[in-house]
Structures are given as C-alpha cells and as structure tokens.
C-alpha cells in the first residue's frame, strides 16, 4: 500500500488466472494494486512500464 501511496506502480494478478488468490486478493481489497492483470498480460505490462 505504501508503494502506491508514494507514486509507485503495483500490479496484482487477476483472480481468473490465479491458482491461489490469497495475496492478490488482499492487495486488491486494500486498494494497493495500481492495476489488476491476467497472468498473460503481466509481462507485457511490466515491460511497457519499464520502457
């Protein structure tokens, strides 16, 4: 949560693509995730953020 509050980028995996939805669920519930993405979209999202 502190990362997002201080302008950082946070990413959580979407429930539909999770085997266990524990940590992503909590991050989403706390509004600590900047974006929620399917597993197949995480790498392209991170690469796009870094370039």
PDB file of N, CA and C in Angstrom:
ATOM      1  N   UNK A   1       0.823  -1.183   0.000  1.00  0.00           N
ATOM      2  CA  UNK A   1       0.000   0.000   0.000  1.00  0.00           C
ATOM      3  C   UNK A   1       0.872   1.254   0.000  1.00  0.00           C
ATOM      4  N   UNK A   2       1.972   1.244   0.733  1.00  0.00           N
ATOM      5  CA  UNK A   2       2.864   2.400   0.789  1.00  0.00           C
ATOM      6  C   UNK A   2       3.490   2.700  -0.564  1.00  0.00           C
ATOM      7  N   UNK A   3       3.748   1.662  -1.332  1.00  0.00           N
ATOM      8  CA  UNK A   3       4.350   1.864  -2.651  1.00  0.00           C
ATOM      9  C   UNK A   3       3.413   2.700  -3.523  1.00  0.00           C
ATOM     10  N   UNK A   4       2.159   2.287  -3.612  1.00  0.00           N
ATOM     11  CA  UNK A   4       1.191   3.012  -4.437  1.00  0.00           C
ATOM     12  C   UNK A   4       0.964   4.422  -3.905  1.00  0.00           C
ATOM     13  N   UNK A   5       0.859   4.567  -2.587  1.00  0.00           N
ATOM     14  CA  UNK A   5       0.623   5.880  -1.988  1.00  0.00           C
ATOM     15  C   UNK A   5       1.761   6.860  -2.279  1.00  0.00           C
ATOM     16  N   UNK A   6       2.949   6.334  -2.495  1.00  0.00           N
ATOM     17  CA  UNK A   6       4.109   7.182  -2.764  1.00  0.00           C
ATOM     18  C   UNK A   6       4.444   7.274  -4.244  1.00  0.00           C
ATOM     19  N   UNK A   7       3.472   6.956  -5.104  1.00  0.00           N
ATOM     20  CA  UNK A   7       3.637   7.129  -6.535  1.00  0.00           C
ATOM     21  C   UNK A   7       4.223   5.942  -7.272  1.00  0.00           C
ATOM     22  N   UNK A   8       4.431   4.835  -6.576  1.00  0.00           N
ATOM     23  CA  UNK A   8       4.981   3.643  -7.220  1.00  0.00           C
ATOM     24  C   UNK A   8       3.924   2.858  -7.977  1.00  0.00           C
ATOM     25  N   UNK A   9       4.366   1.984  -8.831  1.00  0.00           N
ATOM     26  CA  UNK A   9       3.489   1.147  -9.650  1.00  0.00           C
ATOM     27  C   UNK A   9       3.366  -0.231  -8.994  1.00  0.00           C
ATOM     28  N   UNK A  10       2.147  -0.685  -8.785  1.00  0.00           N
ATOM     29  CA  UNK A  10       1.911  -2.008  -8.211  1.00  0.00           C
ATOM     30  C   UNK A  10       0.976  -2.789  -9.118  1.00  0.00           C
ATOM     31  N   UNK A  11       1.166  -4.076  -9.162  1.00  0.00           N
ATOM     32  CA  UNK A  11       0.429  -4.932 -10.079  1.00  0.00           C
ATOM     33  C   UNK A  11      -0.005  -6.196  -9.356  1.00  0.00           C
ATOM     34  N   UNK A  12      -1.266  -6.563  -9.513  1.00  0.00           N
ATOM     35  CA  UNK A  12      -1.794  -7.788  -8.913  1.00  0.00           C
ATOM     36  C   UNK A  12      -2.334  -8.692 -10.017  1.00  0.00           C
ATOM     37  N   UNK A  13      -2.196  -9.984  -9.816  1.00  0.00           N
ATOM     38  CA  UNK A  13      -2.713 -10.952 -10.777  1.00  0.00           C
ATOM     39  C   UNK A  13      -4.219 -11.113 -10.584  1.00  0.00           C
ATOM     40  N   UNK A  14      -4.959 -11.127 -11.677  1.00  0.00           N
ATOM     41  CA  UNK A  14      -6.412 -11.274 -11.654  1.00  0.00           C
ATOM     42  C   UNK A  14      -6.813 -12.652 -11.131  1.00  0.00           C
ATOM     43  N   UNK A  15      -7.931 -12.692 -10.451  1.00  0.00           N
ATOM     44  CA  UNK A  15      -8.415 -13.936  -9.848  1.00  0.00           C
ATOM     45  C   UNK A  15      -8.585 -15.054 -10.868  1.00  0.00           C
ATOM     46  N   UNK A  16      -9.088 -14.721 -12.052  1.00  0.00           N
ATOM     47  CA  UNK A  16      -9.380 -15.736 -13.069  1.00  0.00           C
ATOM     48  C   UNK A  16      -8.154 -16.555 -13.473  1.00  0.00           C
ATOM     49  N   UNK A  17      -6.962 -15.981 -13.346  1.00  0.00           N
ATOM     50  CA  UNK A  17      -5.757 -16.702 -13.763  1.00  0.00           C
ATOM     51  C   UNK A  17      -4.917 -17.203 -12.578  1.00  0.00           C
ATOM     52  N   UNK A  18      -5.423 -17.053 -11.369  1.00  0.00           N
ATOM     53  CA  UNK A  18      -4.694 -17.494 -10.170  1.00  0.00           C
ATOM     54  C   UNK A  18      -5.051 -18.918  -9.778  1.00  0.00           C
ATOM     55  N   UNK A  19      -4.056 -19.661  -9.319  1.00  0.00           N
ATOM     56  CA  UNK A  19      -4.315 -20.956  -8.692  1.00  0.00           C
ATOM     57  C   UNK A  19      -4.751 -20.699  -7.252  1.00  0.00           C
ATOM     58  N   UNK A  20      -4.028 -19.816  -6.577  1.00  0.00           N
ATOM     59  CA  UNK A  20      -4.370 -19.379  -5.222  1.00  0.00           C
ATOM     60  C   UNK A  20      -4.468 -17.862  -5.264  1.00  0.00           C
ATOM     61  N   UNK A  21      -5.588 -17.317  -4.866  1.00  0.00           N
ATOM     62  CA  UNK A  21      -5.862 -15.890  -4.994  1.00  0.00           C
ATOM     63  C   UNK A  21      -5.646 -15.133  -3.684  1.00  0.00           C
ATOM     64  N   UNK A  22      -4.783 -15.619  -2.817  1.00  0.00           N
ATOM     65  CA  UNK A  22      -4.582 -15.035  -1.493  1.00  0.00           C
ATOM     66  C   UNK A  22      -3.995 -13.635  -1.495  1.00  0.00           C
ATOM     67  N   UNK A  23      -2.719 -13.507  -1.850  1.00  0.00           N
ATOM     68  CA  UNK A  23      -2.056 -12.194  -1.802  1.00  0.00           C
ATOM     69  C   UNK A  23      -2.650 -11.193  -2.778  1.00  0.00           C
ATOM     70  N   UNK A  24      -2.932 -11.576  -4.034  1.00  0.00           N
ATOM     71  CA  UNK A  24      -3.536 -10.586  -4.930  1.00  0.00           C
ATOM     72  C   UNK A  24      -4.884 -10.080  -4.414  1.00  0.00           C
ATOM     73  N   UNK A  25      -5.664 -10.973  -3.827  1.00  0.00           N
ATOM     74  CA  UNK A  25      -6.975 -10.589  -3.302  1.00  0.00           C
ATOM     75  C   UNK A  25      -6.843  -9.517  -2.234  1.00  0.00           C
ATOM     76  N   UNK A  26      -5.908  -9.710  -1.319  1.00  0.00           N
ATOM     77  CA  UNK A  26      -5.707  -8.734  -0.244  1.00  0.00           C
ATOM     78  C   UNK A  26      -5.219  -7.407  -0.808  1.00  0.00           C
ATOM     79  N   UNK A  27      -4.287  -7.443  -1.746  1.00  0.00           N
ATOM     80  CA  UNK A  27      -3.787  -6.208  -2.354  1.00  0.00           C
ATOM     81  C   UNK A  27      -4.917  -5.442  -3.040  1.00  0.00           C
ATOM     82  N   UNK A  28      -5.783  -6.161  -3.730  1.00  0.00           N
ATOM     83  CA  UNK A  28      -6.914  -5.531  -4.421  1.00  0.00           C
ATOM     84  C   UNK A  28      -7.899  -4.959  -3.404  1.00  0.00           C
ATOM     85  N   UNK A  29      -8.212  -5.739  -2.363  1.00  0.00           N
ATOM     86  CA  UNK A  29      -9.147  -5.278  -1.334  1.00  0.00           C
ATOM     87  C   UNK A  29      -8.643  -4.031  -0.614  1.00  0.00           C
ATOM     88  N   UNK A  30      -7.331  -3.933  -0.414  1.00  0.00           N
ATOM     89  CA  UNK A  30      -6.742  -2.774   0.261  1.00  0.00           C
ATOM     90  C   UNK A  30      -6.522  -1.595  -0.685  1.00  0.00           C
ATOM     91  N   UNK A  31      -6.906  -1.766  -1.941  1.00  0.00           N
ATOM     92  CA  UNK A  31      -6.680  -0.762  -2.974  1.00  0.00           C
ATOM     93  C   UNK A  31      -5.186  -0.453  -3.115  1.00  0.00           C
ATOM     94  N   UNK A  32      -4.370  -1.477  -2.929  1.00  0.00           N
ATOM     95  CA  UNK A  32      -2.915  -1.324  -3.015  1.00  0.00           C
ATOM     96  C   UNK A  32      -2.389  -1.645  -4.413  1.00  0.00           C
ATOM     97  N   UNK A  33      -3.232  -2.178  -5.270  1.00  0.00           N
ATOM     98  CA  UNK A  33      -2.813  -2.531  -6.627  1.00  0.00           C
ATOM     99  C   UNK A  33      -3.171  -1.402  -7.587  1.00  0.00           C
ATOM    100  N   UNK A  34      -2.163  -0.909  -8.303  1.00  0.00           N
ATOM    101  CA  UNK A  34      -2.413   0.105  -9.320  1.00  0.00           C
ATOM    102  C   UNK A  34      -3.204  -0.497 -10.471  1.00  0.00           C
ATOM    103  N   UNK A  35      -2.833  -1.733 -10.860  1.00  0.00           N
ATOM    104  CA  UNK A  35      -3.519  -2.439 -11.939  1.00  0.00           C
ATOM    105  C   UNK A  35      -3.709  -3.898 -11.551  1.00  0.00           C
ATOM    106  N   UNK A  36      -4.744  -4.519 -12.111  1.00  0.00           N
ATOM    107  CA  UNK A  36      -5.008  -5.946 -11.951  1.00  0.00           C
ATOM    108  C   UNK A  36      -5.012  -6.541 -13.349  1.00  0.00           C
ATOM    109  N   UNK A  37      -4.164  -7.535 -13.570  1.00  0.00           N
ATOM    110  CA  UNK A  37      -3.993  -8.097 -14.908  1.00  0.00           C
ATOM    111  C   UNK A  37      -4.041  -9.619 -14.893  1.00  0.00           C
ATOM    112  N   UNK A  38      -4.485 -10.190 -16.000  1.00  0.00           N
ATOM    113  CA  UNK A  38      -4.414 -11.625 -16.226  1.00  0.00           C
ATOM    114  C   UNK A  38      -2.937 -12.030 -16.314  1.00  0.00           C
ATOM    115  N   UNK A  39      -2.626 -13.247 -15.979  1.00  0.00           N
ATOM    116  CA  UNK A  39      -1.244 -13.734 -15.969  1.00  0.00           C
ATOM    117  C   UNK A  39      -0.544 -13.487 -17.306  1.00  0.00           C
ATOM    118  N   UNK A  40      -1.269 -13.603 -18.402  1.00  0.00           N
ATOM    119  CA  UNK A  40      -0.664 -13.422 -19.727  1.00  0.00           C
ATOM    120  C   UNK A  40      -0.362 -11.958 -20.050  1.00  0.00           C
ATOM    121  N   UNK A  41      -0.932 -11.056 -19.293  1.00  0.00           N
ATOM    122  CA  UNK A  41      -0.722  -9.630 -19.535  1.00  0.00           C
ATOM    123  C   UNK A  41       0.301  -8.995 -18.591  1.00  0.00           C
ATOM    124  N   UNK A  42       0.761  -9.749 -17.599  1.00  0.00           N
ATOM    125  CA  UNK A  42       1.677  -9.182 -16.609  1.00  0.00           C
ATOM    126  C   UNK A  42       3.025  -8.817 -17.228  1.00  0.00           C
ATOM    127  N   UNK A  43       3.646  -9.722 -17.960  1.00  0.00           N
ATOM    128  CA  UNK A  43       4.961  -9.428 -18.542  1.00  0.00           C
ATOM    129  C   UNK A  43       4.905  -8.257 -19.512  1.00  0.00           C
ATOM    130  N   UNK A  44       3.971  -8.235 -20.475  1.00  0.00           N
ATOM    131  CA  UNK A  44       3.910  -7.079 -21.373  1.00  0.00           C
ATOM    132  C   UNK A  44       3.637  -5.768 -20.624  1.00  0.00           C
ATOM    133  N   UNK A  45       2.840  -5.826 -19.579  1.00  0.00           N
ATOM    134  CA  UNK A  45       2.547  -4.620 -18.787  1.00  0.00           C
ATOM    135  C   UNK A  45       3.806  -4.119 -18.106  1.00  0.00           C
ATOM    136  N   UNK A  46       4.555  -5.019 -17.489  1.00  0.00           N
ATOM    137  CA  UNK A  46       5.796  -4.624 -16.825  1.00  0.00           C
ATOM    138  C   UNK A  46       6.820  -4.084 -17.817  1.00  0.00           C
ATOM    139  N   UNK A  47       6.949  -4.744 -18.950  1.00  0.00           N
ATOM    140  CA  UNK A  47       7.891  -4.279 -19.965  1.00  0.00           C
ATOM    141  C   UNK A  47       7.506  -2.902 -20.483  1.00  0.00           C
ATOM    142  N   UNK A  48       6.226  -2.688 -20.680  1.00  0.00           N
ATOM    143  CA  UNK A  48       5.750  -1.379 -21.122  1.00  0.00           C
ATOM    144  C   UNK A  48       5.986  -0.300 -20.085  1.00  0.00           C
ATOM    145  N   UNK A  49       5.860  -0.652 -18.832  1.00  0.00           N
ATOM    146  CA  UNK A  49       6.087   0.301 -17.758  1.00  0.00           C
ATOM    147  C   UNK A  49       7.572   0.680 -17.665  1.00  0.00           C
ATOM    148  N   UNK A  50       8.433  -0.267 -17.946  1.00  0.00           N
ATOM    149  CA  UNK A  50       9.877  -0.041 -17.803  1.00  0.00           C
ATOM    150  C   UNK A  50      10.505   0.670 -18.993  1.00  0.00           C
ATOM    151  N   UNK A  51       9.811   0.697 -20.122  1.00  0.00           N
ATOM    152  CA  UNK A  51      10.410   1.311 -21.315  1.00  0.00           C
ATOM    153  C   UNK A  51       9.838   2.688 -21.582  1.00  0.00           C
TER     154      UNK A  51
END
